N, C-alpha and C. Protein backbone atom coordinates (compact mmCIF):
# COMPACT_ATOMS: atom_id res chain seq x y z
N MET A 1 -20.93 -143.73 -12.36
CA MET A 1 -20.67 -143.71 -10.94
C MET A 1 -19.58 -142.69 -10.59
N ILE A 2 -18.48 -142.72 -11.37
CA ILE A 2 -17.38 -141.79 -11.12
C ILE A 2 -17.82 -140.36 -11.38
N GLU A 3 -18.64 -140.17 -12.40
CA GLU A 3 -19.12 -138.83 -12.71
C GLU A 3 -19.94 -138.26 -11.56
N LYS A 4 -20.72 -139.10 -10.91
CA LYS A 4 -21.51 -138.64 -9.77
C LYS A 4 -20.60 -138.22 -8.62
N LEU A 5 -19.52 -139.00 -8.41
CA LEU A 5 -18.59 -138.64 -7.35
C LEU A 5 -17.89 -137.31 -7.64
N LEU A 6 -17.49 -137.11 -8.89
CA LEU A 6 -16.81 -135.88 -9.26
C LEU A 6 -17.73 -134.68 -9.17
N LYS A 7 -19.02 -134.89 -9.39
CA LYS A 7 -19.97 -133.80 -9.31
C LYS A 7 -20.40 -133.51 -7.88
N SER A 8 -20.07 -134.40 -6.98
CA SER A 8 -20.47 -134.25 -5.59
C SER A 8 -19.84 -132.99 -4.99
N THR A 9 -20.65 -132.16 -4.39
CA THR A 9 -20.18 -130.92 -3.78
C THR A 9 -19.23 -131.21 -2.62
N ALA A 10 -19.53 -132.21 -1.84
CA ALA A 10 -18.67 -132.55 -0.69
C ALA A 10 -17.28 -132.93 -1.15
N LEU A 11 -17.18 -133.68 -2.24
CA LEU A 11 -15.88 -134.09 -2.74
C LEU A 11 -15.08 -132.88 -3.23
N LYS A 12 -15.75 -131.94 -3.85
CA LYS A 12 -15.07 -130.73 -4.33
C LYS A 12 -14.52 -129.93 -3.15
N TYR A 13 -15.32 -129.78 -2.11
CA TYR A 13 -14.85 -129.04 -0.94
C TYR A 13 -13.72 -129.78 -0.24
N ALA A 14 -13.79 -131.09 -0.19
CA ALA A 14 -12.72 -131.87 0.43
C ALA A 14 -11.42 -131.69 -0.34
N ALA A 15 -11.50 -131.66 -1.68
CA ALA A 15 -10.31 -131.45 -2.50
C ALA A 15 -9.75 -130.05 -2.29
N ILE A 16 -10.63 -129.06 -2.16
CA ILE A 16 -10.20 -127.68 -1.94
C ILE A 16 -9.44 -127.57 -0.62
N VAL A 17 -9.87 -128.30 0.40
CA VAL A 17 -9.21 -128.26 1.70
C VAL A 17 -7.96 -129.14 1.70
N ALA A 18 -8.00 -130.30 1.07
CA ALA A 18 -6.91 -131.26 1.14
C ALA A 18 -5.68 -130.83 0.34
N LEU A 19 -5.86 -130.27 -0.83
CA LEU A 19 -4.72 -129.93 -1.68
C LEU A 19 -3.77 -128.91 -1.03
N PRO A 20 -4.26 -127.82 -0.46
CA PRO A 20 -3.33 -126.90 0.21
C PRO A 20 -2.64 -127.54 1.42
N LEU A 21 -3.36 -128.40 2.15
CA LEU A 21 -2.75 -129.07 3.29
C LEU A 21 -1.64 -130.03 2.84
N LEU A 22 -1.88 -130.74 1.76
CA LEU A 22 -0.85 -131.62 1.21
C LEU A 22 0.38 -130.83 0.78
N ALA A 23 0.15 -129.70 0.14
CA ALA A 23 1.27 -128.86 -0.30
C ALA A 23 2.04 -128.32 0.90
N LEU A 24 1.33 -127.96 1.96
CA LEU A 24 1.95 -127.41 3.17
C LEU A 24 2.82 -128.44 3.89
N PHE A 25 2.36 -129.68 3.95
CA PHE A 25 3.05 -130.71 4.72
C PHE A 25 3.99 -131.57 3.90
N TYR A 26 4.07 -131.39 2.59
CA TYR A 26 4.90 -132.25 1.75
C TYR A 26 6.38 -132.18 2.14
N SER A 27 6.95 -130.99 2.22
CA SER A 27 8.38 -130.85 2.51
C SER A 27 8.75 -131.37 3.89
N PRO A 28 8.02 -131.00 4.97
CA PRO A 28 8.37 -131.56 6.28
C PRO A 28 8.23 -133.09 6.32
N LEU A 29 7.22 -133.63 5.65
CA LEU A 29 7.06 -135.09 5.63
C LEU A 29 8.19 -135.75 4.85
N GLN A 30 8.62 -135.12 3.77
CA GLN A 30 9.74 -135.66 3.00
C GLN A 30 11.01 -135.69 3.87
N ASN A 31 11.29 -134.59 4.58
CA ASN A 31 12.46 -134.54 5.45
C ASN A 31 12.36 -135.55 6.59
N PHE A 32 11.19 -135.70 7.19
CA PHE A 32 10.99 -136.68 8.26
C PHE A 32 11.25 -138.09 7.73
N THR A 33 10.75 -138.39 6.55
CA THR A 33 10.95 -139.71 5.95
C THR A 33 12.42 -139.98 5.72
N ILE A 34 13.15 -138.97 5.21
CA ILE A 34 14.58 -139.14 4.97
C ILE A 34 15.32 -139.36 6.29
N LEU A 35 14.97 -138.59 7.33
CA LEU A 35 15.62 -138.77 8.63
C LEU A 35 15.33 -140.14 9.22
N ALA A 36 14.11 -140.64 9.03
CA ALA A 36 13.73 -141.92 9.61
C ALA A 36 14.28 -143.11 8.82
N LEU A 37 14.28 -143.02 7.51
CA LEU A 37 14.63 -144.17 6.68
C LEU A 37 15.95 -144.03 5.93
N GLY A 38 16.52 -142.84 5.92
CA GLY A 38 17.71 -142.58 5.12
C GLY A 38 18.96 -143.25 5.66
N GLU A 39 19.91 -143.44 4.77
CA GLU A 39 21.18 -144.04 5.10
C GLU A 39 22.11 -142.97 5.66
N ARG A 40 22.83 -143.30 6.73
CA ARG A 40 23.72 -142.34 7.39
C ARG A 40 25.05 -142.26 6.67
N VAL A 41 25.51 -141.03 6.44
CA VAL A 41 26.85 -140.80 5.90
C VAL A 41 27.42 -139.58 6.61
N LEU A 42 28.71 -139.65 6.96
CA LEU A 42 29.39 -138.52 7.57
C LEU A 42 30.14 -137.78 6.48
N LEU A 43 30.07 -136.45 6.51
CA LEU A 43 30.75 -135.62 5.53
C LEU A 43 31.70 -134.67 6.23
N GLU A 44 32.91 -134.53 5.69
CA GLU A 44 33.87 -133.59 6.24
C GLU A 44 33.46 -132.18 5.86
N THR A 45 33.53 -131.28 6.82
CA THR A 45 33.13 -129.89 6.59
C THR A 45 34.36 -129.03 6.32
N GLU A 46 34.09 -127.86 5.72
CA GLU A 46 35.12 -126.86 5.50
C GLU A 46 34.59 -125.52 6.01
N PRO A 47 35.45 -124.64 6.49
CA PRO A 47 34.99 -123.40 7.11
C PRO A 47 34.37 -122.40 6.14
N VAL A 48 33.31 -121.75 6.62
CA VAL A 48 32.65 -120.63 5.95
C VAL A 48 32.20 -119.71 7.07
N ASP A 49 32.24 -118.39 6.88
CA ASP A 49 31.87 -117.45 7.94
C ASP A 49 30.41 -117.64 8.34
N PRO A 50 30.12 -118.00 9.63
CA PRO A 50 28.77 -118.34 10.03
C PRO A 50 27.97 -117.25 10.74
N ARG A 51 28.46 -116.04 10.86
CA ARG A 51 27.78 -115.04 11.69
C ARG A 51 26.81 -114.18 10.89
N ASP A 52 25.61 -113.98 11.46
CA ASP A 52 24.64 -113.06 10.89
C ASP A 52 23.76 -112.59 12.05
N PHE A 53 23.84 -111.33 12.36
CA PHE A 53 23.12 -110.80 13.52
C PHE A 53 21.61 -110.82 13.32
N LEU A 54 21.13 -110.79 12.10
CA LEU A 54 19.69 -110.77 11.85
C LEU A 54 19.04 -112.14 11.94
N ARG A 55 19.79 -113.20 11.68
CA ARG A 55 19.20 -114.54 11.65
C ARG A 55 19.48 -115.36 12.89
N GLY A 56 20.26 -114.86 13.82
CA GLY A 56 20.59 -115.64 15.00
C GLY A 56 21.82 -116.50 14.73
N ASP A 57 22.06 -117.44 15.63
CA ASP A 57 23.25 -118.28 15.50
C ASP A 57 22.98 -119.44 14.56
N TYR A 58 23.80 -119.53 13.58
CA TYR A 58 23.76 -120.66 12.66
C TYR A 58 25.16 -120.84 12.09
N VAL A 59 25.38 -121.97 11.52
CA VAL A 59 26.67 -122.26 10.92
C VAL A 59 26.47 -122.50 9.44
N MET A 60 27.25 -121.80 8.62
CA MET A 60 27.28 -122.05 7.18
C MET A 60 28.34 -123.12 6.95
N LEU A 61 27.94 -124.17 6.25
CA LEU A 61 28.86 -125.28 6.04
C LEU A 61 29.17 -125.47 4.56
N ASP A 62 30.37 -125.84 4.30
CA ASP A 62 30.77 -126.30 2.99
C ASP A 62 31.37 -127.68 3.23
N TYR A 63 31.43 -128.49 2.19
CA TYR A 63 31.88 -129.87 2.36
C TYR A 63 33.02 -130.16 1.42
N LYS A 64 33.88 -131.08 1.83
CA LYS A 64 34.97 -131.49 0.97
C LYS A 64 34.44 -132.12 -0.31
N ILE A 65 33.26 -132.74 -0.25
CA ILE A 65 32.69 -133.35 -1.45
C ILE A 65 32.09 -132.30 -2.39
N SER A 66 32.12 -131.02 -1.99
CA SER A 66 31.60 -129.96 -2.86
C SER A 66 32.61 -129.54 -3.92
N ASP A 67 33.89 -129.72 -3.64
CA ASP A 67 34.94 -129.42 -4.61
C ASP A 67 35.46 -130.76 -5.13
N VAL A 68 35.00 -131.13 -6.31
CA VAL A 68 35.29 -132.45 -6.86
C VAL A 68 36.42 -132.35 -7.87
N ASP A 69 37.44 -133.15 -7.66
CA ASP A 69 38.59 -133.20 -8.56
C ASP A 69 38.14 -133.55 -9.97
N LYS A 70 38.72 -132.90 -10.95
CA LYS A 70 38.34 -133.16 -12.34
C LYS A 70 38.70 -134.58 -12.81
N ASN A 71 39.52 -135.30 -12.04
CA ASN A 71 39.88 -136.66 -12.41
C ASN A 71 38.80 -137.68 -12.03
N ILE A 72 37.80 -137.27 -11.25
CA ILE A 72 36.68 -138.16 -10.90
C ILE A 72 35.90 -138.42 -12.18
N PRO A 73 35.49 -139.67 -12.41
CA PRO A 73 34.73 -139.97 -13.63
C PRO A 73 33.43 -139.17 -13.71
N LEU A 74 33.20 -138.53 -14.85
CA LEU A 74 31.97 -137.78 -15.10
C LEU A 74 31.13 -138.59 -16.09
N LYS A 75 30.38 -139.54 -15.56
CA LYS A 75 29.57 -140.42 -16.41
C LYS A 75 28.45 -139.62 -17.08
N SER A 76 28.21 -139.84 -18.33
CA SER A 76 27.13 -139.23 -19.12
C SER A 76 27.29 -137.74 -19.32
N LEU A 77 28.43 -137.17 -18.99
CA LEU A 77 28.59 -135.72 -19.14
C LEU A 77 29.34 -135.35 -20.42
N LYS A 78 29.82 -136.33 -21.15
CA LYS A 78 30.58 -136.03 -22.37
C LYS A 78 29.74 -135.27 -23.38
N SER A 79 28.42 -135.49 -23.36
CA SER A 79 27.55 -134.80 -24.32
C SER A 79 27.37 -133.32 -23.99
N LEU A 80 27.92 -132.87 -22.88
CA LEU A 80 27.76 -131.48 -22.47
C LEU A 80 28.94 -130.61 -22.86
N GLU A 81 29.82 -131.11 -23.72
CA GLU A 81 30.96 -130.31 -24.15
C GLU A 81 30.47 -128.98 -24.71
N GLY A 82 31.06 -127.90 -24.25
CA GLY A 82 30.69 -126.57 -24.70
C GLY A 82 29.51 -125.98 -23.94
N TYR A 83 28.86 -126.78 -23.07
CA TYR A 83 27.72 -126.29 -22.29
C TYR A 83 28.22 -125.38 -21.17
N GLU A 84 27.50 -124.31 -20.91
CA GLU A 84 27.83 -123.40 -19.81
C GLU A 84 26.59 -123.26 -18.94
N GLY A 85 26.71 -123.46 -17.66
CA GLY A 85 25.59 -123.28 -16.76
C GLY A 85 25.59 -124.31 -15.64
N THR A 86 24.45 -124.42 -14.97
CA THR A 86 24.30 -125.33 -13.84
C THR A 86 23.44 -126.51 -14.25
N ILE A 87 23.87 -127.72 -13.89
CA ILE A 87 23.10 -128.92 -14.20
C ILE A 87 22.94 -129.77 -12.95
N GLU A 88 21.81 -130.48 -12.87
CA GLU A 88 21.59 -131.39 -11.75
C GLU A 88 22.36 -132.67 -11.99
N VAL A 89 23.10 -133.12 -10.98
CA VAL A 89 23.90 -134.33 -11.10
C VAL A 89 23.63 -135.24 -9.90
N CYS A 90 23.98 -136.50 -10.05
CA CYS A 90 23.95 -137.47 -8.97
C CYS A 90 25.40 -137.80 -8.64
N VAL A 91 25.78 -137.58 -7.39
CA VAL A 91 27.15 -137.81 -6.94
C VAL A 91 27.18 -139.10 -6.14
N SER A 92 27.83 -140.12 -6.70
CA SER A 92 27.97 -141.40 -6.01
C SER A 92 28.98 -141.26 -4.89
N LEU A 93 28.64 -141.79 -3.72
CA LEU A 93 29.51 -141.67 -2.55
C LEU A 93 30.03 -143.05 -2.14
N ALA A 94 31.30 -143.07 -1.78
CA ALA A 94 31.90 -144.25 -1.18
C ALA A 94 32.32 -143.84 0.23
N ARG A 95 32.39 -144.80 1.13
CA ARG A 95 32.82 -144.49 2.50
C ARG A 95 34.25 -144.97 2.70
N ASP A 96 35.05 -144.14 3.39
CA ASP A 96 36.40 -144.57 3.72
C ASP A 96 36.36 -145.42 4.98
N ALA A 97 37.49 -145.78 5.51
CA ALA A 97 37.56 -146.67 6.68
C ALA A 97 36.87 -146.08 7.91
N ASP A 98 36.80 -144.75 8.00
CA ASP A 98 36.15 -144.09 9.15
C ASP A 98 34.68 -143.81 8.90
N GLY A 99 34.15 -144.24 7.76
CA GLY A 99 32.74 -144.02 7.45
C GLY A 99 32.45 -142.66 6.83
N ILE A 100 33.48 -141.94 6.44
CA ILE A 100 33.31 -140.61 5.87
C ILE A 100 33.10 -140.73 4.36
N GLY A 101 32.08 -140.03 3.86
CA GLY A 101 31.73 -140.10 2.45
C GLY A 101 32.71 -139.37 1.57
N THR A 102 33.08 -140.00 0.46
CA THR A 102 33.93 -139.40 -0.55
C THR A 102 33.29 -139.61 -1.92
N VAL A 103 33.59 -138.74 -2.85
CA VAL A 103 33.00 -138.83 -4.19
C VAL A 103 33.69 -139.93 -4.98
N SER A 104 32.89 -140.83 -5.57
CA SER A 104 33.47 -141.88 -6.40
C SER A 104 33.12 -141.68 -7.88
N ALA A 105 31.99 -141.03 -8.17
CA ALA A 105 31.61 -140.77 -9.57
C ALA A 105 30.54 -139.70 -9.60
N ILE A 106 30.38 -139.08 -10.77
CA ILE A 106 29.33 -138.08 -10.98
C ILE A 106 28.60 -138.44 -12.26
N SER A 107 27.28 -138.33 -12.24
CA SER A 107 26.48 -138.67 -13.41
C SER A 107 25.27 -137.75 -13.50
N VAL A 108 24.76 -137.54 -14.71
CA VAL A 108 23.53 -136.78 -14.85
C VAL A 108 22.31 -137.68 -14.64
N SER A 109 22.52 -138.99 -14.60
CA SER A 109 21.42 -139.93 -14.36
C SER A 109 21.63 -140.63 -13.02
N ARG A 110 20.54 -141.12 -12.48
CA ARG A 110 20.56 -141.79 -11.19
C ARG A 110 21.37 -143.09 -11.28
N PRO A 111 22.29 -143.32 -10.33
CA PRO A 111 23.04 -144.58 -10.34
C PRO A 111 22.11 -145.77 -10.08
N SER A 112 22.45 -146.92 -10.63
CA SER A 112 21.60 -148.09 -10.46
C SER A 112 21.66 -148.66 -9.05
N ASP A 113 22.76 -148.43 -8.34
CA ASP A 113 22.87 -148.91 -6.97
C ASP A 113 23.84 -148.03 -6.19
N GLY A 114 23.86 -148.20 -4.89
CA GLY A 114 24.79 -147.46 -4.04
C GLY A 114 24.23 -146.15 -3.52
N LEU A 115 24.99 -145.54 -2.66
CA LEU A 115 24.64 -144.29 -2.00
C LEU A 115 25.00 -143.12 -2.91
N TYR A 116 24.07 -142.19 -3.09
CA TYR A 116 24.34 -141.01 -3.92
C TYR A 116 23.55 -139.82 -3.39
N LEU A 117 24.06 -138.63 -3.69
CA LEU A 117 23.42 -137.36 -3.35
C LEU A 117 23.16 -136.58 -4.62
N LYS A 118 22.00 -135.95 -4.70
CA LYS A 118 21.72 -135.06 -5.83
C LYS A 118 22.32 -133.69 -5.51
N GLY A 119 22.86 -133.07 -6.53
CA GLY A 119 23.45 -131.76 -6.35
C GLY A 119 23.42 -130.99 -7.66
N PHE A 120 23.90 -129.77 -7.61
CA PHE A 120 23.95 -128.92 -8.79
C PHE A 120 25.40 -128.57 -9.09
N LEU A 121 25.85 -128.98 -10.26
CA LEU A 121 27.22 -128.76 -10.71
C LEU A 121 27.26 -127.51 -11.57
N ASP A 122 28.16 -126.60 -11.22
CA ASP A 122 28.37 -125.40 -12.02
C ASP A 122 29.28 -125.80 -13.17
N TYR A 123 28.69 -126.02 -14.33
CA TYR A 123 29.42 -126.54 -15.49
C TYR A 123 29.87 -125.41 -16.40
N SER A 124 30.43 -124.39 -15.78
CA SER A 124 30.97 -123.26 -16.55
C SER A 124 32.38 -123.61 -17.01
N ASP A 125 33.05 -122.68 -17.60
CA ASP A 125 34.41 -122.92 -18.09
C ASP A 125 35.35 -123.12 -16.91
N TYR A 126 35.74 -124.35 -16.70
CA TYR A 126 36.65 -124.68 -15.61
C TYR A 126 38.02 -125.08 -16.12
N SER A 127 38.38 -124.64 -17.29
CA SER A 127 39.65 -125.05 -17.87
C SER A 127 40.83 -124.62 -16.99
N TRP A 128 40.68 -123.57 -16.24
CA TRP A 128 41.75 -123.07 -15.40
C TRP A 128 41.74 -123.66 -13.99
N ARG A 129 40.67 -124.36 -13.63
CA ARG A 129 40.56 -124.94 -12.28
C ARG A 129 40.83 -126.43 -12.30
N SER A 130 41.18 -126.96 -11.14
CA SER A 130 41.45 -128.40 -11.05
C SER A 130 40.26 -129.16 -10.47
N SER A 131 39.15 -128.44 -10.18
CA SER A 131 37.99 -129.12 -9.58
C SER A 131 36.68 -128.51 -10.08
N TYR A 132 35.61 -129.27 -9.90
CA TYR A 132 34.25 -128.81 -10.17
C TYR A 132 33.63 -128.40 -8.84
N SER A 133 32.67 -127.49 -8.88
CA SER A 133 31.96 -127.05 -7.69
C SER A 133 30.53 -127.59 -7.73
N ILE A 134 30.14 -128.30 -6.65
CA ILE A 134 28.81 -128.89 -6.57
C ILE A 134 28.12 -128.40 -5.30
N GLU A 135 26.87 -127.98 -5.43
CA GLU A 135 26.05 -127.50 -4.30
C GLU A 135 24.99 -128.55 -3.99
N TYR A 136 24.88 -128.94 -2.70
CA TYR A 136 23.95 -129.99 -2.29
C TYR A 136 22.73 -129.47 -1.54
N GLY A 137 22.71 -128.21 -1.15
CA GLY A 137 21.59 -127.67 -0.38
C GLY A 137 21.63 -128.07 1.08
N LEU A 138 22.82 -128.36 1.60
CA LEU A 138 22.99 -128.76 3.00
C LEU A 138 23.87 -127.76 3.75
N GLY A 139 23.81 -126.50 3.37
CA GLY A 139 24.79 -125.54 3.85
C GLY A 139 24.50 -124.78 5.12
N VAL A 140 23.29 -124.86 5.67
CA VAL A 140 22.96 -124.08 6.86
C VAL A 140 22.52 -125.00 7.98
N TYR A 141 23.09 -124.79 9.18
CA TYR A 141 22.70 -125.56 10.35
C TYR A 141 22.53 -124.59 11.51
N TYR A 142 21.33 -124.52 12.07
CA TYR A 142 21.05 -123.61 13.18
C TYR A 142 21.50 -124.25 14.49
N VAL A 143 22.12 -123.42 15.33
CA VAL A 143 22.68 -123.91 16.59
C VAL A 143 22.11 -123.10 17.75
N PRO A 144 22.19 -123.64 18.98
CA PRO A 144 21.73 -122.87 20.13
C PRO A 144 22.50 -121.56 20.26
N GLU A 145 21.82 -120.53 20.73
CA GLU A 145 22.43 -119.22 20.83
C GLU A 145 23.70 -119.25 21.68
N GLY A 146 24.72 -118.60 21.18
CA GLY A 146 25.99 -118.52 21.90
C GLY A 146 26.97 -119.64 21.56
N THR A 147 26.59 -120.60 20.74
CA THR A 147 27.48 -121.72 20.43
C THR A 147 28.08 -121.61 19.03
N GLY A 148 27.67 -120.64 18.26
CA GLY A 148 28.12 -120.50 16.88
C GLY A 148 29.62 -120.30 16.75
N ARG A 149 30.20 -119.45 17.61
CA ARG A 149 31.64 -119.17 17.51
C ARG A 149 32.48 -120.40 17.84
N ASP A 150 32.07 -121.16 18.87
CA ASP A 150 32.82 -122.37 19.24
C ASP A 150 32.78 -123.38 18.10
N LEU A 151 31.62 -123.51 17.49
CA LEU A 151 31.47 -124.45 16.38
C LEU A 151 32.28 -123.99 15.17
N GLU A 152 32.30 -122.67 14.94
CA GLU A 152 33.09 -122.13 13.83
C GLU A 152 34.56 -122.46 14.02
N LEU A 153 35.07 -122.31 15.25
CA LEU A 153 36.47 -122.66 15.53
C LEU A 153 36.74 -124.13 15.27
N ALA A 154 35.83 -124.98 15.70
CA ALA A 154 36.00 -126.42 15.49
C ALA A 154 36.00 -126.77 14.00
N VAL A 155 35.15 -126.09 13.22
CA VAL A 155 35.12 -126.33 11.77
C VAL A 155 36.44 -125.89 11.15
N ARG A 156 36.94 -124.73 11.56
CA ARG A 156 38.20 -124.22 11.01
C ARG A 156 39.37 -125.15 11.33
N GLU A 157 39.28 -125.84 12.47
CA GLU A 157 40.34 -126.78 12.86
C GLU A 157 40.12 -128.16 12.24
N GLY A 158 39.06 -128.33 11.47
CA GLY A 158 38.80 -129.62 10.82
C GLY A 158 38.28 -130.68 11.75
N LYS A 159 37.61 -130.27 12.83
CA LYS A 159 37.15 -131.22 13.84
C LYS A 159 35.65 -131.49 13.79
N VAL A 160 34.96 -131.06 12.73
CA VAL A 160 33.51 -131.22 12.67
C VAL A 160 33.13 -132.09 11.47
N LEU A 161 32.29 -133.08 11.75
CA LEU A 161 31.71 -133.92 10.70
C LEU A 161 30.21 -133.68 10.68
N ALA A 162 29.63 -133.65 9.50
CA ALA A 162 28.19 -133.47 9.36
C ALA A 162 27.54 -134.85 9.27
N ASP A 163 26.52 -135.08 10.10
CA ASP A 163 25.74 -136.32 10.07
C ASP A 163 24.58 -136.09 9.11
N VAL A 164 24.68 -136.65 7.91
CA VAL A 164 23.69 -136.44 6.86
C VAL A 164 22.97 -137.76 6.60
N ARG A 165 21.65 -137.70 6.51
CA ARG A 165 20.85 -138.87 6.14
C ARG A 165 20.46 -138.73 4.68
N VAL A 166 20.63 -139.81 3.92
CA VAL A 166 20.40 -139.77 2.48
C VAL A 166 19.42 -140.87 2.09
N LEU A 167 18.39 -140.49 1.32
CA LEU A 167 17.41 -141.43 0.81
C LEU A 167 17.06 -141.02 -0.61
N ASN A 168 17.27 -141.91 -1.57
CA ASN A 168 16.98 -141.63 -2.98
C ASN A 168 17.61 -140.33 -3.48
N GLY A 169 18.83 -140.07 -3.04
CA GLY A 169 19.56 -138.90 -3.51
C GLY A 169 19.29 -137.62 -2.74
N HIS A 170 18.28 -137.62 -1.89
CA HIS A 170 17.95 -136.42 -1.11
C HIS A 170 18.64 -136.51 0.25
N GLY A 171 19.32 -135.45 0.64
CA GLY A 171 20.03 -135.43 1.91
C GLY A 171 19.41 -134.45 2.88
N VAL A 172 19.45 -134.82 4.17
CA VAL A 172 19.00 -133.95 5.25
C VAL A 172 20.09 -133.94 6.30
N LEU A 173 20.51 -132.75 6.69
CA LEU A 173 21.53 -132.59 7.72
C LEU A 173 20.90 -132.83 9.08
N LYS A 174 21.28 -133.93 9.74
CA LYS A 174 20.70 -134.29 11.05
C LYS A 174 21.41 -133.59 12.19
N GLY A 175 22.72 -133.48 12.10
CA GLY A 175 23.46 -132.87 13.18
C GLY A 175 24.93 -132.75 12.83
N LEU A 176 25.68 -132.20 13.78
CA LEU A 176 27.13 -132.06 13.62
C LEU A 176 27.81 -132.81 14.74
N GLU A 177 28.94 -133.43 14.42
CA GLU A 177 29.73 -134.16 15.40
C GLU A 177 31.10 -133.53 15.48
N ILE A 178 31.53 -133.23 16.70
CA ILE A 178 32.88 -132.71 16.89
C ILE A 178 33.77 -133.89 17.23
N VAL A 179 34.84 -134.05 16.47
CA VAL A 179 35.78 -135.15 16.68
C VAL A 179 37.11 -134.59 17.13
N GLU A 180 37.83 -135.36 17.84
CA GLU A 180 39.15 -134.91 18.33
C GLU A 180 40.26 -135.45 17.49
């Protein structure tokens, strides 16, 4: 019975049409799911030059959770002694009294519970630095034309929080909040 279905010409054509459509819509559907079902966390931003005449107005963001103090526990990373390069890590987040996310631990494996973000840790020789650098892929936010400079000033003054939705370690930047 299954062999007849697999040999069916209609099924083959349906697969030929469906697979590219699934590939096309996978990323937007994943982001929509994270925005709809993800847990909200606010992240403190740090200034980065946001101007580019070719791409329009957007803001480049860096986060305080991107520079992680070396005193933060690095679970499961002891086996990487002498390793040089970039590795995928799970960064466990705790919220302070204002709901702002802070790093509580870093691991190469998924935490069993709690809020975490997946990121890439540059595990190069950091003997001279006091922190690790982690990239989360949440660095660009497009803004209405003419508002980029005002937002850049607010970021430089430390008045901008990023509203990030997180689901299963994947984060999506929903918006920016200016606080006084």
